[in-house]
Amino acid sequence: MARQSIFDMPVSKVYPLLLAKVERKGRTKDELDEVIRWLTGYEMDSVDPATPYGAFFENAPAMNPRAGLITGKVCGVDMASIEDPLMRKIRQLDKLVDELAKGRPMEKILR
């Protein structure tokens, strides 16, 4: 069985994983939604759960112009070394979710 690309996975498969990660660390769904809204401009209750994750980022209503300030490593990969713009956007959200789960204050997460 072939592995499904992260770009092709529906939001309904990825979002619960992100939510579980932050809730395990005592953070909330509202905080996760705020991070997603800051980065992409989406209101999560208006997103079609069947939307492919790649299209979720490609069609984001308002990618935050300060997203470039998200630096460091995520999944062992330096953010600056990610060449694919779509994968960089996905990893930016991963980095913000990691920071949220680690207990970083919201005002520092939302640069």
Protein backbone atom coordinates (compact mmCIF):
# COMPACT_ATOMS: atom_id res chain seq x y z
CA MET A 1 0.00 0.00 0.00
CA ALA A 2 1.44 3.37 -1.04
CA ARG A 3 1.89 6.08 1.57
CA GLN A 4 -0.40 9.04 1.20
CA SER A 5 1.35 12.35 0.62
CA ILE A 6 0.77 15.02 3.28
CA PHE A 7 -0.37 17.26 0.40
CA ASP A 8 -3.18 14.85 -0.45
CA MET A 9 -4.39 14.05 3.08
CA PRO A 10 -7.70 15.68 3.94
CA VAL A 11 -7.72 18.36 6.62
CA SER A 12 -10.07 16.06 8.57
CA LYS A 13 -7.17 13.61 9.01
CA VAL A 14 -4.45 16.13 9.93
CA TYR A 15 -6.36 18.57 12.17
CA PRO A 16 -7.27 15.97 14.85
CA LEU A 17 -3.59 15.02 15.11
CA LEU A 18 -2.59 18.65 15.66
CA LEU A 19 -5.39 19.06 18.20
CA ALA A 20 -4.41 15.91 20.10
CA LYS A 21 -0.82 17.13 20.32
CA VAL A 22 -1.73 20.46 21.90
CA GLU A 23 -4.44 19.04 24.17
CA ARG A 24 -2.00 16.44 25.57
CA LYS A 25 0.09 19.38 26.74
CA GLY A 26 -2.82 21.28 28.30
CA ARG A 27 -3.51 23.72 25.48
CA THR A 28 -6.91 24.20 23.88
CA LYS A 29 -8.70 23.89 20.55
CA ASP A 30 -9.31 27.65 20.61
CA GLU A 31 -5.57 28.27 20.93
CA LEU A 32 -4.83 25.91 18.03
CA ASP A 33 -7.48 27.63 15.92
CA GLU A 34 -5.97 31.02 16.78
CA VAL A 35 -2.54 29.87 15.60
CA ILE A 36 -4.03 28.53 12.35
CA ARG A 37 -6.01 31.75 11.83
CA TRP A 38 -2.87 33.86 12.44
CA LEU A 39 -0.85 31.88 9.90
CA THR A 40 -3.45 31.21 7.19
CA GLY A 41 -6.44 33.49 7.74
CA TYR A 42 -8.79 30.51 8.00
CA GLU A 43 -11.67 30.21 10.44
CA MET A 44 -11.52 26.45 11.02
CA ASP A 45 -15.30 26.03 11.29
CA SER A 46 -15.58 27.26 7.68
CA VAL A 47 -13.04 24.80 6.22
CA ASP A 48 -14.39 21.81 4.29
CA PRO A 49 -12.94 18.77 6.13
CA ALA A 50 -12.40 17.00 2.79
CA THR A 51 -10.03 19.73 1.57
CA PRO A 52 -6.60 18.28 0.77
CA TYR A 53 -3.98 19.63 3.17
CA GLY A 54 -1.89 21.00 0.29
CA ALA A 55 -4.87 22.88 -1.11
CA PHE A 56 -5.63 24.16 2.41
CA PHE A 57 -2.33 26.08 2.29
CA GLU A 58 -2.35 26.92 -1.43
CA ASN A 59 -5.78 28.54 -1.10
CA ALA A 60 -5.27 30.14 2.31
CA PRO A 61 -7.27 33.37 2.44
CA ALA A 62 -4.48 35.41 4.03
CA MET A 63 -1.06 33.87 4.69
CA ASN A 64 0.53 36.02 7.35
CA PRO A 65 3.35 38.16 5.93
CA ARG A 66 5.29 37.59 9.18
CA ALA A 67 5.39 33.82 8.60
CA GLY A 68 8.97 34.28 7.41
CA LEU A 69 9.90 35.04 11.02
CA ILE A 70 9.23 31.39 11.89
CA THR A 71 12.69 29.88 12.14
CA GLY A 72 14.42 26.95 13.77
CA LYS A 73 14.01 23.23 13.25
CA VAL A 74 10.89 21.14 12.91
CA CYS A 75 11.07 17.36 12.61
CA GLY A 76 14.84 17.75 12.57
CA VAL A 77 14.79 19.93 9.46
CA ASP A 78 15.96 23.53 9.48
CA MET A 79 13.15 25.79 8.26
CA ALA A 80 15.58 27.78 6.10
CA SER A 81 16.55 24.67 4.14
CA ILE A 82 13.02 23.83 2.98
CA GLU A 83 12.90 24.78 -0.69
CA ASP A 84 9.32 23.79 -1.61
CA PRO A 85 7.12 26.80 -0.69
CA LEU A 86 4.11 24.60 0.02
CA MET A 87 6.08 22.29 2.32
CA ARG A 88 7.55 25.36 4.05
CA LYS A 89 4.02 26.58 4.84
CA ILE A 90 3.08 23.18 6.25
CA ARG A 91 6.23 23.09 8.37
CA GLN A 92 5.59 26.64 9.59
CA LEU A 93 2.29 25.47 11.03
CA ASP A 94 4.03 22.41 12.51
CA LYS A 95 6.56 24.71 14.19
CA LEU A 96 3.82 26.94 15.63
CA VAL A 97 1.95 23.88 16.93
CA ASP A 98 5.18 22.59 18.51
CA GLU A 99 5.66 25.93 20.25
CA LEU A 100 2.06 25.90 21.45
CA ALA A 101 2.44 22.37 22.80
CA LYS A 102 5.66 23.33 24.59
CA GLY A 103 3.78 26.00 26.52
CA ARG A 104 5.24 29.05 24.82
CA PRO A 105 3.14 32.18 25.46
CA MET A 106 0.71 32.99 22.66
CA GLU A 107 2.11 36.51 22.14
CA LYS A 108 5.52 34.98 21.33
CA ILE A 109 4.08 32.28 19.08
CA LEU A 110 2.18 34.88 17.06
CA ARG A 111 5.33 36.90 16.37
